[in-house]
């Protein structure tokens, strides 16, 4: 199993080196909330060994998972595409060890 974010790994060396000074390795814990609606998304996440749930809260108060992001994607890019108030909740669902 590759221990890398495949999106970052697919970048050319030149592009990666331009991004590298802004990348920071962090450790996420299961259940950790990365974003709640109404907050401005300020961080992009490139998961390596975790799955991150994208959830929304329905009008009746129930929570529904609408997406799952793993090591093939980037999380938070939707901040460029929608208003911050409509951005969903983001939380670390599973941390893969191995």
PDB file of N, CA and C in Angstrom:
ATOM      1  N   UNK A   1       0.840  -1.187   0.000  1.00  0.00           N
ATOM      2  CA  UNK A   1       0.000   0.000   0.000  1.00  0.00           C
ATOM      3  C   UNK A   1       0.882   1.248   0.000  1.00  0.00           C
ATOM      4  N   UNK A   2       0.654   2.135  -0.944  1.00  0.00           N
ATOM      5  CA  UNK A   2       1.431   3.367  -1.037  1.00  0.00           C
ATOM      6  C   UNK A   2       1.044   4.304   0.105  1.00  0.00           C
ATOM      7  N   UNK A   3       2.050   4.883   0.743  1.00  0.00           N
ATOM      8  CA  UNK A   3       1.809   5.835   1.820  1.00  0.00           C
ATOM      9  C   UNK A   3       2.141   7.221   1.278  1.00  0.00           C
ATOM     10  N   UNK A   4       1.211   7.726   0.468  1.00  0.00           N
ATOM     11  CA  UNK A   4       1.372   9.030  -0.143  1.00  0.00           C
ATOM     12  C   UNK A   4       0.008   9.509  -0.622  1.00  0.00           C
ATOM     13  N   UNK A   5      -0.082  10.778  -0.861  1.00  0.00           N
ATOM     14  CA  UNK A   5      -1.275  11.283  -1.512  1.00  0.00           C
ATOM     15  C   UNK A   5      -1.019  11.177  -3.004  1.00  0.00           C
ATOM     16  N   UNK A   6      -1.864  10.448  -3.692  1.00  0.00           N
ATOM     17  CA  UNK A   6      -1.629  10.168  -5.111  1.00  0.00           C
ATOM     18  C   UNK A   6      -1.734  11.407  -5.988  1.00  0.00           C
ATOM     19  N   UNK A   7      -2.540  12.360  -5.565  1.00  0.00           N
ATOM     20  CA  UNK A   7      -2.654  13.599  -6.334  1.00  0.00           C
ATOM     21  C   UNK A   7      -1.337  14.367  -6.285  1.00  0.00           C
ATOM     22  N   UNK A   8      -0.766  14.506  -5.099  1.00  0.00           N
ATOM     23  CA  UNK A   8       0.527  15.179  -4.975  1.00  0.00           C
ATOM     24  C   UNK A   8       1.621  14.398  -5.697  1.00  0.00           C
ATOM     25  N   UNK A   9       1.582  13.081  -5.595  1.00  0.00           N
ATOM     26  CA  UNK A   9       2.596  12.240  -6.235  1.00  0.00           C
ATOM     27  C   UNK A   9       2.553  12.343  -7.755  1.00  0.00           C
ATOM     28  N   UNK A  10       1.403  12.690  -8.317  1.00  0.00           N
ATOM     29  CA  UNK A  10       1.255  12.780  -9.766  1.00  0.00           C
ATOM     30  C   UNK A  10       1.746  14.121 -10.328  1.00  0.00           C
ATOM     31  N   UNK A  11       2.009  15.080  -9.457  1.00  0.00           N
ATOM     32  CA  UNK A  11       2.478  16.384  -9.934  1.00  0.00           C
ATOM     33  C   UNK A  11       3.891  16.277 -10.484  1.00  0.00           C
ATOM     34  N   UNK A  12       4.200  17.148 -11.410  1.00  0.00           N
ATOM     35  CA  UNK A  12       5.583  17.207 -11.897  1.00  0.00           C
ATOM     36  C   UNK A  12       6.470  17.665 -10.735  1.00  0.00           C
ATOM     37  N   UNK A  13       7.742  17.333 -10.837  1.00  0.00           N
ATOM     38  CA  UNK A  13       8.683  17.725  -9.779  1.00  0.00           C
ATOM     39  C   UNK A  13       8.708  19.248  -9.614  1.00  0.00           C
ATOM     40  N   UNK A  14       8.662  19.967 -10.733  1.00  0.00           N
ATOM     41  CA  UNK A  14       8.691  21.429 -10.700  1.00  0.00           C
ATOM     42  C   UNK A  14       7.491  22.006  -9.936  1.00  0.00           C
ATOM     43  N   UNK A  15       6.314  21.518 -10.229  1.00  0.00           N
ATOM     44  CA  UNK A  15       5.101  22.003  -9.545  1.00  0.00           C
ATOM     45  C   UNK A  15       5.149  21.623  -8.064  1.00  0.00           C
ATOM     46  N   UNK A  16       5.516  20.374  -7.777  1.00  0.00           N
ATOM     47  CA  UNK A  16       5.579  19.928  -6.380  1.00  0.00           C
ATOM     48  C   UNK A  16       6.550  20.803  -5.587  1.00  0.00           C
ATOM     49  N   UNK A  17       7.700  21.100  -6.154  1.00  0.00           N
ATOM     50  CA  UNK A  17       8.692  21.915  -5.444  1.00  0.00           C
ATOM     51  C   UNK A  17       8.185  23.330  -5.170  1.00  0.00           C
ATOM     52  N   UNK A  18       7.310  23.838  -6.029  1.00  0.00           N
ATOM     53  CA  UNK A  18       6.710  25.152  -5.781  1.00  0.00           C
ATOM     54  C   UNK A  18       5.724  25.087  -4.618  1.00  0.00           C
ATOM     55  N   UNK A  19       5.016  23.964  -4.500  1.00  0.00           N
ATOM     56  CA  UNK A  19       4.040  23.797  -3.419  1.00  0.00           C
ATOM     57  C   UNK A  19       4.689  23.402  -2.091  1.00  0.00           C
ATOM     58  N   UNK A  20       5.797  22.691  -2.158  1.00  0.00           N
ATOM     59  CA  UNK A  20       6.416  22.084  -0.974  1.00  0.00           C
ATOM     60  C   UNK A  20       6.588  23.023   0.231  1.00  0.00           C
ATOM     61  N   UNK A  21       7.007  24.271   0.049  1.00  0.00           N
ATOM     62  CA  UNK A  21       7.165  25.143   1.226  1.00  0.00           C
ATOM     63  C   UNK A  21       5.855  25.396   1.990  1.00  0.00           C
ATOM     64  N   UNK A  22       4.721  25.172   1.325  1.00  0.00           N
ATOM     65  CA  UNK A  22       3.428  25.400   1.957  1.00  0.00           C
ATOM     66  C   UNK A  22       2.773  24.123   2.478  1.00  0.00           C
ATOM     67  N   UNK A  23       3.415  22.983   2.279  1.00  0.00           N
ATOM     68  CA  UNK A  23       2.872  21.707   2.745  1.00  0.00           C
ATOM     69  C   UNK A  23       3.367  21.411   4.147  1.00  0.00           C
ATOM     70  N   UNK A  24       2.475  20.860   4.955  1.00  0.00           N
ATOM     71  CA  UNK A  24       2.816  20.525   6.335  1.00  0.00           C
ATOM     72  C   UNK A  24       2.183  19.175   6.656  1.00  0.00           C
ATOM     73  N   UNK A  25       2.977  18.242   7.127  1.00  0.00           N
ATOM     74  CA  UNK A  25       2.461  16.931   7.508  1.00  0.00           C
ATOM     75  C   UNK A  25       1.805  17.038   8.878  1.00  0.00           C
ATOM     76  N   UNK A  26       0.539  16.636   8.959  1.00  0.00           N
ATOM     77  CA  UNK A  26      -0.169  16.650  10.242  1.00  0.00           C
ATOM     78  C   UNK A  26      -0.732  15.262  10.502  1.00  0.00           C
ATOM     79  N   UNK A  27      -1.041  14.996  11.746  1.00  0.00           N
ATOM     80  CA  UNK A  27      -1.646  13.728  12.126  1.00  0.00           C
ATOM     81  C   UNK A  27      -3.099  13.979  12.511  1.00  0.00           C
ATOM     82  N   UNK A  28      -4.002  13.228  11.891  1.00  0.00           N
ATOM     83  CA  UNK A  28      -5.429  13.344  12.197  1.00  0.00           C
ATOM     84  C   UNK A  28      -5.858  12.173  13.069  1.00  0.00           C
ATOM     85  N   UNK A  29      -6.869  12.402  13.862  1.00  0.00           N
ATOM     86  CA  UNK A  29      -7.400  11.360  14.734  1.00  0.00           C
ATOM     87  C   UNK A  29      -8.851  11.083  14.358  1.00  0.00           C
ATOM     88  N   UNK A  30      -9.259   9.835  14.484  1.00  0.00           N
ATOM     89  CA  UNK A  30     -10.631   9.458  14.139  1.00  0.00           C
ATOM     90  C   UNK A  30     -11.613  10.329  14.902  1.00  0.00           C
ATOM     91  N   UNK A  31     -12.569  10.893  14.185  1.00  0.00           N
ATOM     92  CA  UNK A  31     -13.588  11.751  14.780  1.00  0.00           C
ATOM     93  C   UNK A  31     -13.206  13.216  14.848  1.00  0.00           C
ATOM     94  N   UNK A  32     -11.975  13.550  14.502  1.00  0.00           N
ATOM     95  CA  UNK A  32     -11.527  14.941  14.548  1.00  0.00           C
ATOM     96  C   UNK A  32     -12.265  15.767  13.485  1.00  0.00           C
ATOM     97  N   UNK A  33     -12.868  16.866  13.898  1.00  0.00           N
ATOM     98  CA  UNK A  33     -13.600  17.750  12.985  1.00  0.00           C
ATOM     99  C   UNK A  33     -12.607  18.728  12.358  1.00  0.00           C
ATOM    100  N   UNK A  34     -12.591  18.771  11.047  1.00  0.00           N
ATOM    101  CA  UNK A  34     -11.671  19.649  10.320  1.00  0.00           C
ATOM    102  C   UNK A  34     -12.326  20.953   9.896  1.00  0.00           C
ATOM    103  N   UNK A  35     -13.644  20.933   9.758  1.00  0.00           N
ATOM    104  CA  UNK A  35     -14.369  22.132   9.331  1.00  0.00           C
ATOM    105  C   UNK A  35     -15.829  22.003   9.725  1.00  0.00           C
ATOM    106  N   UNK A  36     -16.427  23.099  10.153  1.00  0.00           N
ATOM    107  CA  UNK A  36     -17.868  23.132  10.394  1.00  0.00           C
ATOM    108  C   UNK A  36     -18.478  24.222   9.513  1.00  0.00           C
ATOM    109  N   UNK A  37     -19.714  24.029   9.072  1.00  0.00           N
ATOM    110  CA  UNK A  37     -20.356  25.030   8.208  1.00  0.00           C
ATOM    111  C   UNK A  37     -20.346  26.415   8.848  1.00  0.00           C
ATOM    112  N   UNK A  38     -20.172  27.423   8.023  1.00  0.00           N
ATOM    113  CA  UNK A  38     -20.142  28.801   8.506  1.00  0.00           C
ATOM    114  C   UNK A  38     -18.728  29.313   8.719  1.00  0.00           C
ATOM    115  N   UNK A  39     -17.774  28.393   8.918  1.00  0.00           N
ATOM    116  CA  UNK A  39     -16.379  28.799   9.040  1.00  0.00           C
ATOM    117  C   UNK A  39     -15.766  28.897   7.647  1.00  0.00           C
ATOM    118  N   UNK A  40     -14.789  29.758   7.505  1.00  0.00           N
ATOM    119  CA  UNK A  40     -14.066  29.860   6.248  1.00  0.00           C
ATOM    120  C   UNK A  40     -13.065  28.716   6.168  1.00  0.00           C
ATOM    121  N   UNK A  41     -13.070  28.003   5.053  1.00  0.00           N
ATOM    122  CA  UNK A  41     -12.083  26.939   4.854  1.00  0.00           C
ATOM    123  C   UNK A  41     -10.757  27.609   4.514  1.00  0.00           C
ATOM    124  N   UNK A  42      -9.753  27.374   5.364  1.00  0.00           N
ATOM    125  CA  UNK A  42      -8.459  28.009   5.166  1.00  0.00           C
ATOM    126  C   UNK A  42      -7.362  27.004   4.828  1.00  0.00           C
ATOM    127  N   UNK A  43      -7.671  25.719   4.898  1.00  0.00           N
ATOM    128  CA  UNK A  43      -6.664  24.682   4.713  1.00  0.00           C
ATOM    129  C   UNK A  43      -7.140  23.652   3.705  1.00  0.00           C
ATOM    130  N   UNK A  44      -6.249  23.249   2.819  1.00  0.00           N
ATOM    131  CA  UNK A  44      -6.504  22.126   1.938  1.00  0.00           C
ATOM    132  C   UNK A  44      -5.862  20.897   2.578  1.00  0.00           C
ATOM    133  N   UNK A  45      -6.532  19.765   2.511  1.00  0.00           N
ATOM    134  CA  UNK A  45      -6.012  18.518   3.066  1.00  0.00           C
ATOM    135  C   UNK A  45      -5.773  17.535   1.934  1.00  0.00           C
ATOM    136  N   UNK A  46      -4.589  16.944   1.921  1.00  0.00           N
ATOM    137  CA  UNK A  46      -4.217  15.903   0.979  1.00  0.00           C
ATOM    138  C   UNK A  46      -4.032  14.632   1.795  1.00  0.00           C
ATOM    139  N   UNK A  47      -5.102  13.861   2.038  1.00  0.00           N
ATOM    140  CA  UNK A  47      -4.995  12.685   2.914  1.00  0.00           C
ATOM    141  C   UNK A  47      -3.944  11.689   2.418  1.00  0.00           C
ATOM    142  N   UNK A  48      -3.270  11.090   3.368  1.00  0.00           N
ATOM    143  CA  UNK A  48      -2.277  10.059   3.068  1.00  0.00           C
ATOM    144  C   UNK A  48      -2.770   8.709   3.565  1.00  0.00           C
ATOM    145  N   UNK A  49      -3.107   8.655   4.838  1.00  0.00           N
ATOM    146  CA  UNK A  49      -3.498   7.374   5.453  1.00  0.00           C
ATOM    147  C   UNK A  49      -4.810   7.478   6.219  1.00  0.00           C
ATOM    148  N   UNK A  50      -5.710   8.318   5.709  1.00  0.00           N
ATOM    149  CA  UNK A  50      -7.000   8.475   6.381  1.00  0.00           C
ATOM    150  C   UNK A  50      -8.106   8.667   5.345  1.00  0.00           C
ATOM    151  N   UNK A  51      -9.330   8.477   5.785  1.00  0.00           N
ATOM    152  CA  UNK A  51     -10.510   8.775   4.980  1.00  0.00           C
ATOM    153  C   UNK A  51     -11.249   9.888   5.700  1.00  0.00           C
ATOM    154  N   UNK A  52     -11.649  10.887   4.967  1.00  0.00           N
ATOM    155  CA  UNK A  52     -12.318  12.037   5.563  1.00  0.00           C
ATOM    156  C   UNK A  52     -13.739  12.115   5.021  1.00  0.00           C
ATOM    157  N   UNK A  53     -14.695  12.179   5.943  1.00  0.00           N
ATOM    158  CA  UNK A  53     -16.108  12.258   5.581  1.00  0.00           C
ATOM    159  C   UNK A  53     -16.519  13.692   5.303  1.00  0.00           C
ATOM    160  N   UNK A  54     -17.356  13.845   4.300  1.00  0.00           N
ATOM    161  CA  UNK A  54     -18.000  15.122   4.019  1.00  0.00           C
ATOM    162  C   UNK A  54     -19.464  14.916   4.383  1.00  0.00           C
ATOM    163  N   UNK A  55     -19.947  15.684   5.330  1.00  0.00           N
ATOM    164  CA  UNK A  55     -21.315  15.496   5.815  1.00  0.00           C
ATOM    165  C   UNK A  55     -22.100  16.799   5.738  1.00  0.00           C
ATOM    166  N   UNK A  56     -23.417  16.652   5.690  1.00  0.00           N
ATOM    167  CA  UNK A  56     -24.302  17.810   5.794  1.00  0.00           C
ATOM    168  C   UNK A  56     -25.336  17.508   6.873  1.00  0.00           C
ATOM    169  N   UNK A  57     -25.845  18.560   7.476  1.00  0.00           N
ATOM    170  CA  UNK A  57     -26.907  18.419   8.462  1.00  0.00           C
ATOM    171  C   UNK A  57     -28.224  18.773   7.787  1.00  0.00           C
ATOM    172  N   UNK A  58     -29.162  17.848   7.858  1.00  0.00           N
ATOM    173  CA  UNK A  58     -30.464  18.027   7.234  1.00  0.00           C
ATOM    174  C   UNK A  58     -31.311  18.981   8.074  1.00  0.00           C
ATOM    175  N   UNK A  59     -32.412  19.451   7.525  1.00  0.00           N
ATOM    176  CA  UNK A  59     -33.282  20.394   8.229  1.00  0.00           C
ATOM    177  C   UNK A  59     -33.871  19.804   9.504  1.00  0.00           C
ATOM    178  N   UNK A  60     -33.976  18.455   9.578  1.00  0.00           N
ATOM    179  CA  UNK A  60     -34.493  17.825  10.795  1.00  0.00           C
ATOM    180  C   UNK A  60     -33.402  17.568  11.837  1.00  0.00           C
ATOM    181  N   UNK A  61     -32.154  18.003  11.536  1.00  0.00           N
ATOM    182  CA  UNK A  61     -31.058  17.839  12.486  1.00  0.00           C
ATOM    183  C   UNK A  61     -30.225  16.583  12.278  1.00  0.00           C
ATOM    184  N   UNK A  62     -30.672  15.679  11.421  1.00  0.00           N
ATOM    185  CA  UNK A  62     -29.892  14.464  11.174  1.00  0.00           C
ATOM    186  C   UNK A  62     -28.695  14.786  10.278  1.00  0.00           C
ATOM    187  N   UNK A  63     -27.640  13.993  10.417  1.00  0.00           N
ATOM    188  CA  UNK A  63     -26.421  14.182   9.634  1.00  0.00           C
ATOM    189  C   UNK A  63     -26.304  13.077   8.608  1.00  0.00           C
ATOM    190  N   UNK A  64     -25.937  13.454   7.385  1.00  0.00           N
ATOM    191  CA  UNK A  64     -25.809  12.510   6.288  1.00  0.00           C
ATOM    192  C   UNK A  64     -24.434  12.665   5.663  1.00  0.00           C
ATOM    193  N   UNK A  65     -23.748  11.534   5.443  1.00  0.00           N
ATOM    194  CA  UNK A  65     -22.467  11.571   4.748  1.00  0.00           C
ATOM    195  C   UNK A  65     -22.740  11.701   3.253  1.00  0.00           C
ATOM    196  N   UNK A  66     -22.131  12.709   2.623  1.00  0.00           N
ATOM    197  CA  UNK A  66     -22.350  12.925   1.197  1.00  0.00           C
ATOM    198  C   UNK A  66     -21.105  12.639   0.369  1.00  0.00           C
ATOM    199  N   UNK A  67     -20.002  12.361   1.041  1.00  0.00           N
ATOM    200  CA  UNK A  67     -18.775  12.072   0.313  1.00  0.00           C
ATOM    201  C   UNK A  67     -17.711  11.536   1.226  1.00  0.00           C
ATOM    202  N   UNK A  68     -16.712  10.944   0.621  1.00  0.00           N
ATOM    203  CA  UNK A  68     -15.585  10.375   1.349  1.00  0.00           C
ATOM    204  C   UNK A  68     -14.334  10.673   0.535  1.00  0.00           C
ATOM    205  N   UNK A  69     -13.314  11.223   1.189  1.00  0.00           N
ATOM    206  CA  UNK A  69     -12.094  11.616   0.504  1.00  0.00           C
ATOM    207  C   UNK A  69     -10.933  10.806   1.068  1.00  0.00           C
ATOM    208  N   UNK A  70     -10.138  10.244   0.167  1.00  0.00           N
ATOM    209  CA  UNK A  70      -8.975   9.453   0.571  1.00  0.00           C
ATOM    210  C   UNK A  70      -7.708   9.964  -0.083  1.00  0.00           C
ATOM    211  N   UNK A  71      -6.730   9.068  -0.223  1.00  0.00           N
ATOM    212  CA  UNK A  71      -5.410   9.497  -0.682  1.00  0.00           C
ATOM    213  C   UNK A  71      -5.320   9.750  -2.187  1.00  0.00           C
ATOM    214  N   UNK A  72      -6.431   9.760  -2.877  1.00  0.00           N
ATOM    215  CA  UNK A  72      -6.426  10.094  -4.305  1.00  0.00           C
ATOM    216  C   UNK A  72      -6.947  11.500  -4.563  1.00  0.00           C
ATOM    217  N   UNK A  73      -7.328  12.207  -3.496  1.00  0.00           N
ATOM    218  CA  UNK A  73      -7.998  13.497  -3.659  1.00  0.00           C
ATOM    219  C   UNK A  73      -7.391  14.577  -2.776  1.00  0.00           C
ATOM    220  N   UNK A  74      -7.971  15.757  -2.909  1.00  0.00           N
ATOM    221  CA  UNK A  74      -7.684  16.889  -2.044  1.00  0.00           C
ATOM    222  C   UNK A  74      -9.009  17.317  -1.424  1.00  0.00           C
ATOM    223  N   UNK A  75      -8.969  17.744  -0.190  1.00  0.00           N
ATOM    224  CA  UNK A  75     -10.168  18.166   0.520  1.00  0.00           C
ATOM    225  C   UNK A  75     -10.077  19.646   0.840  1.00  0.00           C
ATOM    226  N   UNK A  76     -11.149  20.373   0.602  1.00  0.00           N
ATOM    227  CA  UNK A  76     -11.202  21.798   0.904  1.00  0.00           C
ATOM    228  C   UNK A  76     -11.215  22.655  -0.342  1.00  0.00           C
ATOM    229  N   UNK A  77     -10.979  22.038  -1.478  1.00  0.00           N
ATOM    230  CA  UNK A  77     -10.956  22.781  -2.732  1.00  0.00           C
ATOM    231  C   UNK A  77     -12.337  23.365  -3.052  1.00  0.00           C
ATOM    232  N   UNK A  78     -13.376  22.774  -2.477  1.00  0.00           N
ATOM    233  CA  UNK A  78     -14.728  23.289  -2.702  1.00  0.00           C
ATOM    234  C   UNK A  78     -14.893  24.714  -2.189  1.00  0.00           C
ATOM    235  N   UNK A  79     -13.986  25.175  -1.337  1.00  0.00           N
ATOM    236  CA  UNK A  79     -14.053  26.551  -0.848  1.00  0.00           C
ATOM    237  C   UNK A  79     -13.908  27.543  -1.996  1.00  0.00           C
ATOM    238  N   UNK A  80     -13.246  27.117  -3.072  1.00  0.00           N
ATOM    239  CA  UNK A  80     -13.090  27.981  -4.234  1.00  0.00           C
ATOM    240  C   UNK A  80     -14.331  27.990  -5.109  1.00  0.00           C
ATOM    241  N   UNK A  81     -15.222  27.017  -4.869  1.00  0.00           N
ATOM    242  CA  UNK A  81     -16.365  26.836  -5.759  1.00  0.00           C
ATOM    243  C   UNK A  81     -17.711  27.187  -5.139  1.00  0.00           C
ATOM    244  N   UNK A  82     -17.758  27.376  -3.826  1.00  0.00           N
ATOM    245  CA  UNK A  82     -19.048  27.673  -3.195  1.00  0.00           C
ATOM    246  C   UNK A  82     -18.857  28.660  -2.051  1.00  0.00           C
ATOM    247  N   UNK A  83     -19.939  29.252  -1.638  1.00  0.00           N
ATOM    248  CA  UNK A  83     -19.902  30.187  -0.517  1.00  0.00           C
ATOM    249  C   UNK A  83     -19.555  29.433   0.755  1.00  0.00           C
ATOM    250  N   UNK A  84     -18.803  30.073   1.631  1.00  0.00           N
ATOM    251  CA  UNK A  84     -18.375  29.399   2.856  1.00  0.00           C
ATOM    252  C   UNK A  84     -19.539  28.911   3.700  1.00  0.00           C
ATOM    253  N   UNK A  85     -20.650  29.593   3.672  1.00  0.00           N
ATOM    254  CA  UNK A  85     -21.781  29.177   4.495  1.00  0.00           C
ATOM    255  C   UNK A  85     -22.417  27.880   4.005  1.00  0.00           C
ATOM    256  N   UNK A  86     -22.181  27.549   2.712  1.00  0.00           N
ATOM    257  CA  UNK A  86     -22.769  26.320   2.203  1.00  0.00           C
ATOM    258  C   UNK A  86     -21.783  25.149   2.212  1.00  0.00           C
ATOM    259  N   UNK A  87     -20.559  25.402   2.670  1.00  0.00           N
ATOM    260  CA  UNK A  87     -19.571  24.330   2.733  1.00  0.00           C
ATOM    261  C   UNK A  87     -19.994  23.307   3.788  1.00  0.00           C
ATOM    262  N   UNK A  88     -19.816  22.028   3.482  1.00  0.00           N
ATOM    263  CA  UNK A  88     -20.244  20.980   4.412  1.00  0.00           C
ATOM    264  C   UNK A  88     -19.278  20.805   5.572  1.00  0.00           C
ATOM    265  N   UNK A  89     -19.676  19.958   6.532  1.00  0.00           N
ATOM    266  CA  UNK A  89     -18.799  19.579   7.631  1.00  0.00           C
ATOM    267  C   UNK A  89     -17.771  18.577   7.116  1.00  0.00           C
ATOM    268  N   UNK A  90     -16.578  18.630   7.669  1.00  0.00           N
ATOM    269  CA  UNK A  90     -15.515  17.708   7.291  1.00  0.00           C
ATOM    270  C   UNK A  90     -14.944  17.088   8.557  1.00  0.00           C
ATOM    271  N   UNK A  91     -14.839  15.756   8.594  1.00  0.00           N
ATOM    272  CA  UNK A  91     -14.248  15.114   9.757  1.00  0.00           C
ATOM    273  C   UNK A  91     -13.497  13.867   9.369  1.00  0.00           C
ATOM    274  N   UNK A  92     -12.463  13.567  10.143  1.00  0.00           N
ATOM    275  CA  UNK A  92     -11.645  12.388   9.896  1.00  0.00           C
ATOM    276  C   UNK A  92     -12.463  11.165  10.312  1.00  0.00           C
ATOM    277  N   UNK A  93     -12.750  10.305   9.361  1.00  0.00           N
ATOM    278  CA  UNK A  93     -13.598   9.143   9.613  1.00  0.00           C
ATOM    279  C   UNK A  93     -12.781   7.935  10.048  1.00  0.00           C
ATOM    280  N   UNK A  94     -11.725   7.630   9.294  1.00  0.00           N
ATOM    281  CA  UNK A  94     -10.933   6.433   9.551  1.00  0.00           C
ATOM    282  C   UNK A  94      -9.472   6.776   9.374  1.00  0.00           C
ATOM    283  N   UNK A  95      -8.650   6.326  10.282  1.00  0.00           N
ATOM    284  CA  UNK A  95      -7.199   6.451  10.131  1.00  0.00           C
ATOM    285  C   UNK A  95      -6.687   5.061   9.839  1.00  0.00           C
ATOM    286  N   UNK A  96      -6.102   4.876   8.665  1.00  0.00           N
ATOM    287  CA  UNK A  96      -5.608   3.573   8.254  1.00  0.00           C
ATOM    288  C   UNK A  96      -4.197   3.393   8.790  1.00  0.00           C
ATOM    289  N   UNK A  97      -3.982   2.325   9.494  1.00  0.00           N
ATOM    290  CA  UNK A  97      -2.650   2.026  10.018  1.00  0.00           C
ATOM    291  C   UNK A  97      -2.123   0.800   9.306  1.00  0.00           C
ATOM    292  N   UNK A  98      -0.855   0.786   9.012  1.00  0.00           N
ATOM    293  CA  UNK A  98      -0.336  -0.396   8.397  1.00  0.00           C
ATOM    294  C   UNK A  98       0.782  -0.087   7.530  1.00  0.00           C
TER     295      UNK A  98
END
